[in-house]
Amino acid sequence: MRSGKAASFLLVLSAFFWTVALAGPASATAKNAEPVPIPGGLDLGGGNVIHTYAPGPEDAGLGLTGVDSEPSTITNFNGLSGYALFVGSATDADGNPYDAVLDMRVFDGEYVGADGAHHHGTFGFI
């Protein structure tokens, strides 16, 4: 049971560390060059959704959503993506062991922003 709680905690924690960095400045006329998130994702309840899926074998017991899951977190994205899933164990300051699941992704390419215009950007998801 501890591994399920640790995986859930780390997935939620990763949402707080979502970082977005555009590779270049948005055009002067773009009012909102932010990328549009994919529909659906991990439903945390209470209307809170992390717009991501966790690709990987479902039978691993880590909250992964299958090997054919959408690795991108951006709708209307055309580019390169890199994905790494680190699985192991960790120990907190009190000596309690935990299962660690770290989900890291990077995207670089063209996307259609919330303003409907095409932009180029580099994004990271940790």
N, C-alpha and C. Protein backbone atom coordinates (compact mmCIF):
# COMPACT_ATOMS: atom_id res chain seq x y z
N MET A 1 0.82 -1.19 0.00
CA MET A 1 0.00 0.00 0.00
C MET A 1 0.87 1.25 0.00
N ARG A 2 2.02 1.18 0.65
CA ARG A 2 2.88 2.34 0.73
C ARG A 2 3.33 2.81 -0.64
N SER A 3 3.61 1.86 -1.56
CA SER A 3 4.08 2.25 -2.89
C SER A 3 3.01 3.01 -3.65
N GLY A 4 1.74 2.63 -3.51
CA GLY A 4 0.66 3.35 -4.18
C GLY A 4 0.54 4.77 -3.67
N LYS A 5 0.67 4.94 -2.36
CA LYS A 5 0.59 6.28 -1.78
C LYS A 5 1.78 7.13 -2.22
N ALA A 6 2.95 6.52 -2.27
CA ALA A 6 4.15 7.26 -2.69
C ALA A 6 4.03 7.67 -4.15
N ALA A 7 3.54 6.76 -4.99
CA ALA A 7 3.39 7.10 -6.41
C ALA A 7 2.38 8.22 -6.59
N SER A 8 1.26 8.15 -5.88
CA SER A 8 0.26 9.20 -5.97
C SER A 8 0.82 10.52 -5.49
N PHE A 9 1.55 10.48 -4.39
CA PHE A 9 2.13 11.71 -3.85
C PHE A 9 3.09 12.34 -4.85
N LEU A 10 3.94 11.52 -5.46
CA LEU A 10 4.92 12.06 -6.39
C LEU A 10 4.27 12.59 -7.67
N LEU A 11 3.18 11.95 -8.11
CA LEU A 11 2.48 12.46 -9.28
C LEU A 11 1.86 13.82 -8.97
N VAL A 12 1.26 13.95 -7.79
CA VAL A 12 0.69 15.24 -7.40
C VAL A 12 1.79 16.27 -7.23
N LEU A 13 2.87 15.88 -6.59
CA LEU A 13 3.98 16.79 -6.38
C LEU A 13 4.54 17.29 -7.70
N SER A 14 4.59 16.42 -8.71
CA SER A 14 5.13 16.83 -10.00
C SER A 14 4.31 17.95 -10.63
N ALA A 15 3.01 18.00 -10.33
CA ALA A 15 2.17 19.06 -10.89
C ALA A 15 2.60 20.42 -10.38
N PHE A 16 3.08 20.48 -9.15
CA PHE A 16 3.51 21.74 -8.58
C PHE A 16 4.82 22.23 -9.18
N PHE A 17 5.56 21.32 -9.80
CA PHE A 17 6.84 21.69 -10.38
C PHE A 17 6.79 21.81 -11.89
N TRP A 18 5.57 21.89 -12.45
CA TRP A 18 5.41 22.07 -13.89
C TRP A 18 6.06 23.40 -14.24
N THR A 19 6.97 23.38 -15.14
CA THR A 19 7.62 24.62 -15.56
C THR A 19 7.49 24.76 -17.06
N VAL A 20 7.24 25.96 -17.49
CA VAL A 20 7.12 26.25 -18.91
C VAL A 20 8.07 27.39 -19.23
N ALA A 21 8.92 27.18 -20.22
CA ALA A 21 9.85 28.23 -20.64
C ALA A 21 9.83 28.31 -22.15
N LEU A 22 9.39 29.41 -22.70
CA LEU A 22 9.39 29.57 -24.15
C LEU A 22 10.82 29.73 -24.63
N ALA A 23 11.14 29.10 -25.75
CA ALA A 23 12.50 29.15 -26.28
C ALA A 23 12.84 30.54 -26.79
N GLY A 24 11.85 31.29 -27.16
CA GLY A 24 12.08 32.64 -27.65
C GLY A 24 10.91 33.50 -27.25
N PRO A 25 11.02 34.81 -27.42
CA PRO A 25 9.93 35.69 -27.03
C PRO A 25 8.71 35.47 -27.91
N ALA A 26 7.53 35.57 -27.31
CA ALA A 26 6.30 35.47 -28.07
C ALA A 26 6.20 36.69 -28.98
N SER A 27 5.48 36.55 -30.06
CA SER A 27 5.36 37.69 -30.96
C SER A 27 4.68 38.85 -30.24
N ALA A 28 4.98 40.05 -30.70
CA ALA A 28 4.47 41.24 -30.04
C ALA A 28 2.96 41.31 -30.10
N THR A 29 2.35 40.66 -31.10
CA THR A 29 0.90 40.71 -31.21
C THR A 29 0.21 39.59 -30.46
N ALA A 30 0.95 38.62 -29.98
CA ALA A 30 0.34 37.49 -29.27
C ALA A 30 -0.05 37.90 -27.86
N LYS A 31 -1.33 37.77 -27.57
CA LYS A 31 -1.80 38.12 -26.23
C LYS A 31 -1.64 36.95 -25.28
N ASN A 32 -1.75 35.74 -25.81
CA ASN A 32 -1.65 34.57 -24.95
C ASN A 32 -1.02 33.42 -25.73
N ALA A 33 0.30 33.32 -25.66
CA ALA A 33 1.03 32.27 -26.39
C ALA A 33 1.15 31.00 -25.57
N GLU A 34 0.47 30.93 -24.44
CA GLU A 34 0.55 29.73 -23.59
C GLU A 34 0.04 28.52 -24.35
N PRO A 35 0.67 27.36 -24.16
CA PRO A 35 0.17 26.14 -24.80
C PRO A 35 -1.15 25.71 -24.16
N VAL A 36 -1.94 24.97 -24.92
CA VAL A 36 -3.21 24.45 -24.42
C VAL A 36 -2.95 23.03 -23.93
N PRO A 37 -3.36 22.70 -22.69
CA PRO A 37 -3.11 21.35 -22.19
C PRO A 37 -3.97 20.30 -22.89
N ILE A 38 -3.50 19.06 -22.87
CA ILE A 38 -4.29 17.97 -23.43
C ILE A 38 -5.57 17.82 -22.62
N PRO A 39 -6.64 17.34 -23.25
CA PRO A 39 -7.86 17.09 -22.48
C PRO A 39 -7.68 15.86 -21.59
N GLY A 40 -8.38 15.84 -20.48
CA GLY A 40 -8.30 14.70 -19.57
C GLY A 40 -7.01 14.66 -18.80
N GLY A 41 -6.73 13.52 -18.23
CA GLY A 41 -5.51 13.35 -17.45
C GLY A 41 -5.80 12.69 -16.12
N LEU A 42 -4.95 12.96 -15.16
CA LEU A 42 -5.10 12.38 -13.83
C LEU A 42 -6.09 13.21 -13.03
N ASP A 43 -7.23 12.62 -12.71
CA ASP A 43 -8.28 13.30 -11.97
C ASP A 43 -8.02 13.15 -10.49
N LEU A 44 -7.75 14.28 -9.82
CA LEU A 44 -7.47 14.26 -8.38
C LEU A 44 -8.73 14.46 -7.55
N GLY A 45 -9.87 14.65 -8.23
CA GLY A 45 -11.13 14.89 -7.53
C GLY A 45 -11.30 16.37 -7.23
N GLY A 46 -12.52 16.76 -6.95
CA GLY A 46 -12.79 18.15 -6.61
C GLY A 46 -12.55 19.11 -7.76
N GLY A 47 -12.63 18.61 -8.99
CA GLY A 47 -12.40 19.46 -10.16
C GLY A 47 -10.94 19.70 -10.48
N ASN A 48 -10.05 19.03 -9.77
CA ASN A 48 -8.61 19.19 -10.01
C ASN A 48 -8.10 18.08 -10.93
N VAL A 49 -7.61 18.50 -12.09
CA VAL A 49 -7.08 17.55 -13.07
C VAL A 49 -5.67 17.98 -13.45
N ILE A 50 -4.74 17.03 -13.41
CA ILE A 50 -3.39 17.27 -13.94
C ILE A 50 -3.45 16.76 -15.37
N HIS A 51 -3.26 17.62 -16.34
CA HIS A 51 -3.42 17.26 -17.74
C HIS A 51 -2.21 16.49 -18.24
N THR A 52 -2.07 15.29 -17.71
CA THR A 52 -0.98 14.40 -18.10
C THR A 52 -1.39 12.96 -17.83
N TYR A 53 -0.78 12.07 -18.53
CA TYR A 53 -0.91 10.63 -18.28
C TYR A 53 0.49 10.11 -17.99
N ALA A 54 0.57 9.03 -17.28
CA ALA A 54 1.86 8.47 -16.89
C ALA A 54 2.11 7.19 -17.68
N PRO A 55 2.74 7.30 -18.86
CA PRO A 55 3.01 6.11 -19.67
C PRO A 55 3.89 5.10 -18.92
N GLY A 56 3.55 3.86 -19.09
CA GLY A 56 4.32 2.80 -18.46
C GLY A 56 3.44 1.61 -18.19
N PRO A 57 4.01 0.49 -17.82
CA PRO A 57 3.23 -0.74 -17.62
C PRO A 57 2.25 -0.61 -16.44
N GLU A 58 0.97 -0.82 -16.74
CA GLU A 58 -0.07 -0.69 -15.71
C GLU A 58 0.12 -1.69 -14.56
N ASP A 59 0.67 -2.85 -14.86
CA ASP A 59 0.81 -3.89 -13.84
C ASP A 59 1.97 -3.64 -12.88
N ALA A 60 2.68 -2.52 -13.05
CA ALA A 60 3.79 -2.20 -12.15
C ALA A 60 3.29 -1.71 -10.79
N GLY A 61 1.99 -1.37 -10.69
CA GLY A 61 1.44 -0.92 -9.41
C GLY A 61 1.88 0.48 -9.02
N LEU A 62 2.24 1.30 -9.99
CA LEU A 62 2.76 2.63 -9.70
C LEU A 62 1.83 3.75 -10.18
N GLY A 63 0.61 3.41 -10.57
CA GLY A 63 -0.31 4.41 -11.07
C GLY A 63 -0.06 4.77 -12.52
N LEU A 64 0.71 3.95 -13.24
CA LEU A 64 1.00 4.21 -14.65
C LEU A 64 -0.22 3.86 -15.48
N THR A 65 -0.39 4.53 -16.62
CA THR A 65 -1.62 4.42 -17.40
C THR A 65 -1.48 3.64 -18.70
N GLY A 66 -0.47 2.82 -18.82
CA GLY A 66 -0.31 1.97 -20.00
C GLY A 66 0.80 2.45 -20.91
N VAL A 67 1.35 1.51 -21.68
CA VAL A 67 2.49 1.85 -22.53
C VAL A 67 2.07 2.65 -23.76
N ASP A 68 0.78 2.68 -24.09
CA ASP A 68 0.31 3.46 -25.24
C ASP A 68 -0.32 4.78 -24.81
N SER A 69 -0.07 5.24 -23.60
CA SER A 69 -0.63 6.50 -23.11
C SER A 69 0.04 7.69 -23.80
N GLU A 70 -0.68 8.78 -23.84
CA GLU A 70 -0.19 10.03 -24.44
C GLU A 70 0.96 10.59 -23.61
N PRO A 71 2.18 10.69 -24.17
CA PRO A 71 3.28 11.24 -23.39
C PRO A 71 3.29 12.77 -23.34
N SER A 72 2.61 13.41 -24.31
CA SER A 72 2.62 14.87 -24.35
C SER A 72 1.63 15.45 -23.35
N THR A 73 1.89 16.66 -22.94
CA THR A 73 0.97 17.39 -22.06
C THR A 73 0.40 18.60 -22.79
N ILE A 74 0.74 18.75 -24.08
CA ILE A 74 0.36 19.93 -24.87
C ILE A 74 -0.47 19.50 -26.07
N THR A 75 -1.64 20.13 -26.25
CA THR A 75 -2.47 19.88 -27.42
C THR A 75 -1.90 20.63 -28.62
N ASN A 76 -2.09 20.09 -29.82
CA ASN A 76 -1.63 20.72 -31.06
C ASN A 76 -0.13 21.00 -31.02
N PHE A 77 0.62 19.99 -30.67
CA PHE A 77 2.07 20.10 -30.56
C PHE A 77 2.71 19.25 -31.65
N ASN A 78 3.71 19.80 -32.34
CA ASN A 78 4.45 19.07 -33.36
C ASN A 78 5.93 19.32 -33.11
N GLY A 79 6.62 18.30 -32.61
CA GLY A 79 8.03 18.47 -32.32
C GLY A 79 8.62 17.24 -31.69
N LEU A 80 9.69 17.43 -30.98
CA LEU A 80 10.40 16.35 -30.32
C LEU A 80 10.05 16.32 -28.84
N SER A 81 10.00 15.12 -28.31
CA SER A 81 9.77 15.00 -26.87
C SER A 81 10.68 13.92 -26.30
N GLY A 82 11.08 14.15 -25.07
CA GLY A 82 11.88 13.17 -24.34
C GLY A 82 11.17 12.87 -23.04
N TYR A 83 11.21 11.61 -22.63
CA TYR A 83 10.47 11.19 -21.45
C TYR A 83 11.35 10.24 -20.64
N ALA A 84 11.42 10.48 -19.35
CA ALA A 84 12.18 9.58 -18.48
C ALA A 84 11.36 9.29 -17.23
N LEU A 85 11.31 8.04 -16.86
CA LEU A 85 10.62 7.61 -15.64
C LEU A 85 11.65 6.90 -14.78
N PHE A 86 11.93 7.47 -13.63
CA PHE A 86 12.89 6.87 -12.71
C PHE A 86 12.11 6.22 -11.58
N VAL A 87 12.37 4.96 -11.33
CA VAL A 87 11.69 4.22 -10.28
C VAL A 87 12.74 3.62 -9.36
N GLY A 88 12.56 3.84 -8.08
CA GLY A 88 13.50 3.30 -7.11
C GLY A 88 12.98 3.50 -5.71
N SER A 89 13.87 3.54 -4.77
CA SER A 89 13.47 3.73 -3.38
C SER A 89 14.18 4.95 -2.81
N ALA A 90 13.58 5.49 -1.77
CA ALA A 90 14.14 6.67 -1.10
C ALA A 90 13.90 6.52 0.39
N THR A 91 14.62 7.28 1.17
CA THR A 91 14.46 7.29 2.63
C THR A 91 14.34 8.73 3.09
N ASP A 92 13.32 9.02 3.92
CA ASP A 92 13.16 10.39 4.39
C ASP A 92 14.09 10.66 5.57
N ALA A 93 14.06 11.87 6.10
CA ALA A 93 14.97 12.29 7.17
C ALA A 93 14.78 11.48 8.44
N ASP A 94 13.60 10.88 8.61
CA ASP A 94 13.34 10.06 9.81
C ASP A 94 13.67 8.59 9.59
N GLY A 95 14.21 8.26 8.42
CA GLY A 95 14.59 6.89 8.14
C GLY A 95 13.48 6.03 7.57
N ASN A 96 12.32 6.63 7.23
CA ASN A 96 11.21 5.88 6.65
C ASN A 96 11.46 5.63 5.17
N PRO A 97 11.34 4.37 4.72
CA PRO A 97 11.56 4.08 3.31
C PRO A 97 10.31 4.39 2.48
N TYR A 98 10.52 4.81 1.23
CA TYR A 98 9.43 5.10 0.30
C TYR A 98 9.82 4.59 -1.08
N ASP A 99 8.81 4.24 -1.86
CA ASP A 99 9.03 3.97 -3.27
C ASP A 99 9.01 5.31 -3.98
N ALA A 100 9.98 5.56 -4.85
CA ALA A 100 10.08 6.84 -5.56
C ALA A 100 9.78 6.62 -7.04
N VAL A 101 8.91 7.47 -7.58
CA VAL A 101 8.59 7.47 -9.00
C VAL A 101 8.74 8.90 -9.48
N LEU A 102 9.71 9.15 -10.34
CA LEU A 102 9.99 10.49 -10.84
C LEU A 102 9.69 10.54 -12.34
N ASP A 103 8.81 11.43 -12.73
CA ASP A 103 8.35 11.56 -14.11
C ASP A 103 8.90 12.88 -14.65
N MET A 104 9.77 12.81 -15.64
CA MET A 104 10.37 14.01 -16.21
C MET A 104 10.22 13.98 -17.73
N ARG A 105 9.81 15.14 -18.30
CA ARG A 105 9.60 15.22 -19.74
C ARG A 105 10.10 16.57 -20.24
N VAL A 106 10.51 16.57 -21.51
CA VAL A 106 10.90 17.83 -22.15
C VAL A 106 10.34 17.80 -23.58
N PHE A 107 9.86 18.96 -24.04
CA PHE A 107 9.27 19.09 -25.37
C PHE A 107 9.89 20.29 -26.06
N ASP A 108 10.13 20.15 -27.35
CA ASP A 108 10.65 21.26 -28.14
C ASP A 108 10.01 21.19 -29.52
N GLY A 109 9.29 22.24 -29.89
CA GLY A 109 8.67 22.23 -31.20
C GLY A 109 7.63 23.32 -31.36
N GLU A 110 6.81 23.14 -32.39
CA GLU A 110 5.77 24.10 -32.72
C GLU A 110 4.46 23.68 -32.06
N TYR A 111 3.69 24.65 -31.63
CA TYR A 111 2.39 24.39 -31.03
C TYR A 111 1.44 25.52 -31.37
N VAL A 112 0.16 25.24 -31.26
CA VAL A 112 -0.86 26.28 -31.42
C VAL A 112 -1.21 26.74 -30.02
N GLY A 113 -0.96 28.02 -29.74
CA GLY A 113 -1.20 28.57 -28.41
C GLY A 113 -2.67 28.86 -28.15
N ALA A 114 -2.96 29.30 -26.96
CA ALA A 114 -4.31 29.66 -26.57
C ALA A 114 -4.83 30.82 -27.42
N ASP A 115 -3.92 31.57 -28.04
CA ASP A 115 -4.31 32.68 -28.91
C ASP A 115 -4.63 32.22 -30.32
N GLY A 116 -4.48 30.91 -30.62
CA GLY A 116 -4.79 30.37 -31.93
C GLY A 116 -3.65 30.50 -32.94
N ALA A 117 -2.55 31.13 -32.55
CA ALA A 117 -1.41 31.32 -33.45
C ALA A 117 -0.36 30.23 -33.23
N HIS A 118 0.47 30.03 -34.23
CA HIS A 118 1.56 29.06 -34.14
C HIS A 118 2.75 29.70 -33.44
N HIS A 119 3.36 28.94 -32.53
CA HIS A 119 4.52 29.40 -31.78
C HIS A 119 5.52 28.26 -31.70
N HIS A 120 6.74 28.58 -31.36
CA HIS A 120 7.76 27.57 -31.10
C HIS A 120 8.17 27.71 -29.63
N GLY A 121 8.31 26.58 -28.97
CA GLY A 121 8.70 26.65 -27.56
C GLY A 121 9.40 25.41 -27.08
N THR A 122 10.03 25.54 -25.94
CA THR A 122 10.67 24.44 -25.23
C THR A 122 10.03 24.39 -23.86
N PHE A 123 9.58 23.20 -23.45
CA PHE A 123 8.83 23.06 -22.21
C PHE A 123 9.41 21.91 -21.39
N GLY A 124 9.30 22.00 -20.10
CA GLY A 124 9.73 20.93 -19.21
C GLY A 124 8.62 20.57 -18.25
N PHE A 125 8.51 19.30 -17.94
CA PHE A 125 7.55 18.80 -16.96
C PHE A 125 8.34 17.93 -15.98
N ILE A 126 8.30 18.32 -14.72
CA ILE A 126 9.02 17.56 -13.70
C ILE A 126 8.04 17.11 -12.64
